[in-house]
Amino acid sequence: MDNAKDLMAIIDGCLAGEQQAWAEFYRHFGRVAKGLLYRWGGFSDTEIQDLIQEIMLRLYKGGLAQFKGTTIYEFLAYYKTIILNAARTYGQKRGRPPVNHKSDFRFAGNMPNNADFSDQLEVWDAVRAWLLSLPPQEREIILLKLQGLKNREISQRLKIPQGTVESKYFRLLERLRRTMEPDEC
């Protein structure tokens, strides 16, 4: 995918009933949903996969046809609402607290004009892969910090010393910086 136009072409193909377009849609937008669900926290990997399937099914059964916008940014705002509603419904059925989406990234607000959305997806994929490579406790520290929790709160929730949270978080940020730096050849 080269740009937002290509992503809108995928959506148009899905609306026309093209199976290849649905496969591409799932490949590109499934990871957007996965990233948001990880960022919002509180879902296991299995639950996230279940939610993504539920979201895709909602879109396939008519949710995509209800989209009336014309730009990728309008679609992403619409898609984010579908993801949020699916996550809330899933959590409510299981007696969970509401999804914390206040710390999420703002699609259109943070994207420069004419941004190459595919490049941004690649960055999110790299960050997600890095997160998934972490041991569970370290991943949880990062996700809880992204939700806005303080070190003391994370310490209490994970039942580890506050100093451990602080040092692990610092080292994790350094590792992420090194991971995301371009290779120098």
C-alpha atoms as a PDB file:
ATOM      1  CA  MET A   1       0.000   0.000   0.000  1.00  0.00           C
ATOM      2  CA  ASP A   2       1.446   3.304  -1.038  1.00  0.00           C
ATOM      3  CA  ASN A   3      -0.971   5.804   0.444  1.00  0.00           C
ATOM      4  CA  ALA A   4      -4.384   6.637   1.837  1.00  0.00           C
ATOM      5  CA  LYS A   5      -5.909   6.397  -1.676  1.00  0.00           C
ATOM      6  CA  ASP A   6      -4.897   2.753  -1.874  1.00  0.00           C
ATOM      7  CA  LEU A   7      -6.464   2.074   1.511  1.00  0.00           C
ATOM      8  CA  MET A   8      -9.704   3.727   0.394  1.00  0.00           C
ATOM      9  CA  ALA A   9      -9.592   1.539  -2.737  1.00  0.00           C
ATOM     10  CA  ILE A  10      -9.535  -1.514  -0.465  1.00  0.00           C
ATOM     11  CA  ILE A  11     -12.643  -0.240   1.307  1.00  0.00           C
ATOM     12  CA  ASP A  12     -14.346   0.359  -2.050  1.00  0.00           C
ATOM     13  CA  GLY A  13     -13.439  -3.188  -3.098  1.00  0.00           C
ATOM     14  CA  CYS A  14     -14.960  -4.587   0.096  1.00  0.00           C
ATOM     15  CA  LEU A  15     -18.157  -2.656  -0.568  1.00  0.00           C
ATOM     16  CA  ALA A  16     -18.208  -4.192  -4.049  1.00  0.00           C
ATOM     17  CA  GLY A  17     -17.957  -7.677  -2.478  1.00  0.00           C
ATOM     18  CA  GLU A  18     -14.420  -8.517  -3.655  1.00  0.00           C
ATOM     19  CA  GLN A  19     -12.925 -11.284  -1.484  1.00  0.00           C
ATOM     20  CA  GLN A  20      -9.342 -10.161  -2.198  1.00  0.00           C
ATOM     21  CA  ALA A  21     -10.257  -6.691  -0.941  1.00  0.00           C
ATOM     22  CA  TRP A  22     -11.587  -8.220   2.303  1.00  0.00           C
ATOM     23  CA  ALA A  23      -8.306 -10.104   2.755  1.00  0.00           C
ATOM     24  CA  GLU A  24      -6.364  -6.862   2.273  1.00  0.00           C
ATOM     25  CA  PHE A  25      -8.781  -5.032   4.573  1.00  0.00           C
ATOM     26  CA  TYR A  26      -8.211  -7.598   7.298  1.00  0.00           C
ATOM     27  CA  ARG A  27      -4.441  -7.435   6.821  1.00  0.00           C
ATOM     28  CA  HIS A  28      -4.287  -3.644   7.131  1.00  0.00           C
ATOM     29  CA  PHE A  29      -7.133  -2.776   9.452  1.00  0.00           C
ATOM     30  CA  GLY A  30      -6.968  -5.873  11.647  1.00  0.00           C
ATOM     31  CA  ARG A  31      -3.643  -4.643  12.983  1.00  0.00           C
ATOM     32  CA  VAL A  32      -5.116  -1.203  13.644  1.00  0.00           C
ATOM     33  CA  ALA A  33      -7.796  -2.849  15.795  1.00  0.00           C
ATOM     34  CA  LYS A  34      -5.215  -5.030  17.501  1.00  0.00           C
ATOM     35  CA  GLY A  35      -3.031  -2.022  18.279  1.00  0.00           C
ATOM     36  CA  LEU A  36      -5.916  -0.077  19.787  1.00  0.00           C
ATOM     37  CA  LEU A  37      -7.107  -3.027  21.850  1.00  0.00           C
ATOM     38  CA  TYR A  38      -3.594  -3.591  23.198  1.00  0.00           C
ATOM     39  CA  ARG A  39      -3.257   0.097  23.943  1.00  0.00           C
ATOM     40  CA  TRP A  40      -6.567   0.215  25.778  1.00  0.00           C
ATOM     41  CA  GLY A  41      -5.410  -2.794  27.779  1.00  0.00           C
ATOM     42  CA  GLY A  42      -7.200  -5.408  29.799  1.00  0.00           C
ATOM     43  CA  PHE A  43      -7.593  -7.985  27.011  1.00  0.00           C
ATOM     44  CA  SER A  44      -5.622 -11.195  26.566  1.00  0.00           C
ATOM     45  CA  ASP A  45      -4.216 -12.155  23.173  1.00  0.00           C
ATOM     46  CA  THR A  46      -7.061 -14.638  22.704  1.00  0.00           C
ATOM     47  CA  GLU A  47      -9.669 -12.030  23.606  1.00  0.00           C
ATOM     48  CA  ILE A  48      -8.121  -9.560  21.185  1.00  0.00           C
ATOM     49  CA  GLN A  49      -8.317 -12.130  18.387  1.00  0.00           C
ATOM     50  CA  ASP A  50     -11.961 -12.806  19.301  1.00  0.00           C
ATOM     51  CA  LEU A  51     -12.704  -9.079  19.279  1.00  0.00           C
ATOM     52  CA  ILE A  52     -11.026  -8.575  15.909  1.00  0.00           C
ATOM     53  CA  GLN A  53     -13.142 -11.374  14.449  1.00  0.00           C
ATOM     54  CA  GLU A  54     -16.271  -9.771  15.953  1.00  0.00           C
ATOM     55  CA  ILE A  55     -15.307  -6.370  14.532  1.00  0.00           C
ATOM     56  CA  MET A  56     -14.650  -7.806  11.065  1.00  0.00           C
ATOM     57  CA  LEU A  57     -17.945  -9.682  11.179  1.00  0.00           C
ATOM     58  CA  ARG A  58     -19.823  -6.491  12.105  1.00  0.00           C
ATOM     59  CA  LEU A  59     -18.219  -4.685   9.187  1.00  0.00           C
ATOM     60  CA  TYR A  60     -18.904  -7.560   6.783  1.00  0.00           C
ATOM     61  CA  LYS A  61     -22.566  -7.783   7.822  1.00  0.00           C
ATOM     62  CA  GLY A  62     -23.247  -4.170   6.941  1.00  0.00           C
ATOM     63  CA  GLY A  63     -21.173  -1.951   9.182  1.00  0.00           C
ATOM     64  CA  LEU A  64     -18.830  -1.067   6.353  1.00  0.00           C
ATOM     65  CA  ALA A  65     -21.748  -0.176   4.077  1.00  0.00           C
ATOM     66  CA  GLN A  66     -22.964   2.316   6.706  1.00  0.00           C
ATOM     67  CA  PHE A  67     -19.739   4.334   6.405  1.00  0.00           C
ATOM     68  CA  LYS A  68     -20.611   7.570   4.596  1.00  0.00           C
ATOM     69  CA  GLY A  69     -17.274   9.401   4.659  1.00  0.00           C
ATOM     70  CA  THR A  70     -14.889   9.931   1.785  1.00  0.00           C
ATOM     71  CA  THR A  71     -11.418  10.003   3.376  1.00  0.00           C
ATOM     72  CA  ILE A  72      -9.266   7.486   5.184  1.00  0.00           C
ATOM     73  CA  TYR A  73      -9.269   9.738   8.245  1.00  0.00           C
ATOM     74  CA  GLU A  74     -13.058   9.733   8.384  1.00  0.00           C
ATOM     75  CA  PHE A  75     -13.021   5.976   7.999  1.00  0.00           C
ATOM     76  CA  LEU A  76     -10.491   5.566  10.805  1.00  0.00           C
ATOM     77  CA  ALA A  77     -12.651   7.645  13.144  1.00  0.00           C
ATOM     78  CA  TYR A  78     -15.661   5.487  12.190  1.00  0.00           C
ATOM     79  CA  TYR A  79     -13.616   2.289  12.565  1.00  0.00           C
ATOM     80  CA  LYS A  80     -12.306   3.369  15.964  1.00  0.00           C
ATOM     81  CA  THR A  81     -15.899   3.830  17.156  1.00  0.00           C
ATOM     82  CA  ILE A  82     -16.776   0.305  16.004  1.00  0.00           C
ATOM     83  CA  ILE A  83     -13.719  -1.085  17.800  1.00  0.00           C
ATOM     84  CA  LEU A  84     -14.566   0.828  20.978  1.00  0.00           C
ATOM     85  CA  ASN A  85     -18.195  -0.315  20.934  1.00  0.00           C
ATOM     86  CA  ALA A  86     -17.174  -3.943  20.377  1.00  0.00           C
ATOM     87  CA  ALA A  87     -14.652  -3.730  23.236  1.00  0.00           C
ATOM     88  CA  ARG A  88     -17.214  -2.164  25.572  1.00  0.00           C
ATOM     89  CA  THR A  89     -19.843  -4.781  24.746  1.00  0.00           C
ATOM     90  CA  TYR A  90     -17.310  -7.586  25.173  1.00  0.00           C
ATOM     91  CA  GLY A  91     -16.219  -6.204  28.562  1.00  0.00           C
ATOM     92  CA  GLN A  92     -19.758  -5.592  29.808  1.00  0.00           C
ATOM     93  CA  LYS A  93     -20.767  -9.173  29.000  1.00  0.00           C
ATOM     94  CA  ARG A  94     -17.866 -10.334  31.153  1.00  0.00           C
ATOM     95  CA  GLY A  95     -18.453  -7.881  34.036  1.00  0.00           C
ATOM     96  CA  ARG A  96     -15.310  -5.865  33.362  1.00  0.00           C
ATOM     97  CA  PRO A  97     -14.683  -2.177  33.990  1.00  0.00           C
ATOM     98  CA  PRO A  98     -15.152   0.121  30.991  1.00  0.00           C
ATOM     99  CA  VAL A  99     -12.436   0.240  28.348  1.00  0.00           C
ATOM    100  CA  ASN A 100      -9.896   3.006  29.003  1.00  0.00           C
ATOM    101  CA  HIS A 101      -9.653   4.710  25.629  1.00  0.00           C
ATOM    102  CA  LYS A 102      -8.770   8.206  26.821  1.00  0.00           C
ATOM    103  CA  SER A 103      -5.046   7.606  26.333  1.00  0.00           C
ATOM    104  CA  ASP A 104      -5.371   6.318  22.784  1.00  0.00           C
ATOM    105  CA  PHE A 105      -3.771   7.983  19.812  1.00  0.00           C
ATOM    106  CA  ARG A 106      -5.951  10.327  17.825  1.00  0.00           C
ATOM    107  CA  PHE A 107      -5.943   9.174  14.224  1.00  0.00           C
ATOM    108  CA  ALA A 108      -6.634  12.370  12.340  1.00  0.00           C
ATOM    109  CA  GLY A 109      -5.362  14.774  14.980  1.00  0.00           C
ATOM    110  CA  ASN A 110      -1.839  13.365  15.036  1.00  0.00           C
ATOM    111  CA  MET A 111      -1.469  12.694  11.332  1.00  0.00           C
ATOM    112  CA  PRO A 112       0.151  15.366   9.198  1.00  0.00           C
ATOM    113  CA  ASN A 113      -1.584  16.302   5.977  1.00  0.00           C
ATOM    114  CA  ASN A 114      -0.941  13.855   3.148  1.00  0.00           C
ATOM    115  CA  ALA A 115       0.634  11.383   5.589  1.00  0.00           C
ATOM    116  CA  ASP A 116       1.608   8.022   4.199  1.00  0.00           C
ATOM    117  CA  PHE A 117      -0.648   5.849   6.334  1.00  0.00           C
ATOM    118  CA  SER A 118       1.073   2.610   5.336  1.00  0.00           C
ATOM    119  CA  ASP A 119       4.381   3.863   6.751  1.00  0.00           C
ATOM    120  CA  GLN A 120       2.627   4.687  10.001  1.00  0.00           C
ATOM    121  CA  LEU A 121       1.124   1.190  10.101  1.00  0.00           C
ATOM    122  CA  GLU A 122       4.615  -0.255   9.673  1.00  0.00           C
ATOM    123  CA  VAL A 123       5.834   1.753  12.669  1.00  0.00           C
ATOM    124  CA  TRP A 124       2.881   0.572  14.759  1.00  0.00           C
ATOM    125  CA  ASP A 125       3.565  -2.998  13.634  1.00  0.00           C
ATOM    126  CA  ALA A 126       7.210  -2.681  14.703  1.00  0.00           C
ATOM    127  CA  VAL A 127       6.185  -1.312  18.110  1.00  0.00           C
ATOM    128  CA  ARG A 128       3.546  -4.026  18.505  1.00  0.00           C
ATOM    129  CA  ALA A 129       6.062  -6.750  17.582  1.00  0.00           C
ATOM    130  CA  TRP A 130       8.489  -5.306  20.120  1.00  0.00           C
ATOM    131  CA  LEU A 131       5.763  -5.265  22.790  1.00  0.00           C
ATOM    132  CA  LEU A 132       4.809  -8.850  22.032  1.00  0.00           C
ATOM    133  CA  SER A 133       8.452  -9.918  22.348  1.00  0.00           C
ATOM    134  CA  LEU A 134       8.595  -8.662  25.949  1.00  0.00           C
ATOM    135  CA  PRO A 135       8.047 -10.864  28.977  1.00  0.00           C
ATOM    136  CA  PRO A 136       4.471 -10.434  30.298  1.00  0.00           C
ATOM    137  CA  GLN A 137       5.421  -8.309  33.315  1.00  0.00           C
ATOM    138  CA  GLU A 138       7.485  -5.863  31.235  1.00  0.00           C
ATOM    139  CA  ARG A 139       4.738  -5.619  28.613  1.00  0.00           C
ATOM    140  CA  GLU A 140       2.217  -4.924  31.374  1.00  0.00           C
ATOM    141  CA  ILE A 141       4.403  -2.112  32.767  1.00  0.00           C
ATOM    142  CA  ILE A 142       4.512  -0.428  29.350  1.00  0.00           C
ATOM    143  CA  LEU A 143       0.773  -0.852  28.738  1.00  0.00           C
ATOM    144  CA  LEU A 144      -0.134   0.474  32.186  1.00  0.00           C
ATOM    145  CA  LYS A 145       2.143   3.503  31.687  1.00  0.00           C
ATOM    146  CA  LEU A 146       0.427   4.141  28.346  1.00  0.00           C
ATOM    147  CA  GLN A 147      -2.895   4.122  30.183  1.00  0.00           C
ATOM    148  CA  GLY A 148      -1.572   6.908  32.406  1.00  0.00           C
ATOM    149  CA  LEU A 149      -0.949   4.968  35.615  1.00  0.00           C
ATOM    150  CA  LYS A 150       1.748   6.236  37.948  1.00  0.00           C
ATOM    151  CA  ASN A 151       4.666   4.049  39.046  1.00  0.00           C
ATOM    152  CA  ARG A 152       3.119   3.637  42.502  1.00  0.00           C
ATOM    153  CA  GLU A 153      -0.171   2.424  40.988  1.00  0.00           C
ATOM    154  CA  ILE A 154       1.637  -0.009  38.686  1.00  0.00           C
ATOM    155  CA  SER A 155       3.678  -1.268  41.627  1.00  0.00           C
ATOM    156  CA  GLN A 156       0.524  -1.958  43.612  1.00  0.00           C
ATOM    157  CA  ARG A 157      -1.286  -3.587  40.697  1.00  0.00           C
ATOM    158  CA  LEU A 158       1.625  -5.880  39.765  1.00  0.00           C
ATOM    159  CA  LYS A 159       2.701  -6.426  43.391  1.00  0.00           C
ATOM    160  CA  ILE A 160       6.329  -5.472  42.749  1.00  0.00           C
ATOM    161  CA  PRO A 161       8.477  -2.723  44.307  1.00  0.00           C
ATOM    162  CA  GLN A 162       8.052   0.773  42.892  1.00  0.00           C
ATOM    163  CA  GLY A 163      11.806   0.973  42.214  1.00  0.00           C
ATOM    164  CA  THR A 164      11.521  -2.137  40.051  1.00  0.00           C
ATOM    165  CA  VAL A 165       8.750  -0.512  38.017  1.00  0.00           C
ATOM    166  CA  GLU A 166      10.839   2.645  37.574  1.00  0.00           C
ATOM    167  CA  SER A 167      14.029   0.848  36.544  1.00  0.00           C
ATOM    168  CA  LYS A 168      12.263  -1.608  34.228  1.00  0.00           C
ATOM    169  CA  TYR A 169      10.330   1.198  32.541  1.00  0.00           C
ATOM    170  CA  PHE A 170      13.507   3.232  32.007  1.00  0.00           C
ATOM    171  CA  ARG A 171      15.342   0.220  30.536  1.00  0.00           C
ATOM    172  CA  LEU A 172      12.345  -0.666  28.355  1.00  0.00           C
ATOM    173  CA  LEU A 173      12.226   2.843  26.896  1.00  0.00           C
ATOM    174  CA  GLU A 174      15.939   2.656  26.109  1.00  0.00           C
ATOM    175  CA  ARG A 175      15.449  -0.731  24.396  1.00  0.00           C
ATOM    176  CA  LEU A 176      12.529   0.643  22.400  1.00  0.00           C
ATOM    177  CA  ARG A 177      14.594   3.637  21.284  1.00  0.00           C
ATOM    178  CA  ARG A 178      17.397   1.326  20.124  1.00  0.00           C
ATOM    179  CA  THR A 179      14.886  -0.940  18.370  1.00  0.00           C
ATOM    180  CA  MET A 180      13.283   1.936  16.489  1.00  0.00           C
ATOM    181  CA  GLU A 181      16.538   3.643  15.458  1.00  0.00           C
ATOM    182  CA  PRO A 182      17.297   3.225  11.755  1.00  0.00           C
ATOM    183  CA  ASP A 183      20.100   0.778  10.998  1.00  0.00           C
ATOM    184  CA  GLU A 184      23.297   2.550  10.098  1.00  0.00           C
ATOM    185  CA  CYS A 185      25.005   0.907   7.169  1.00  0.00           C
END
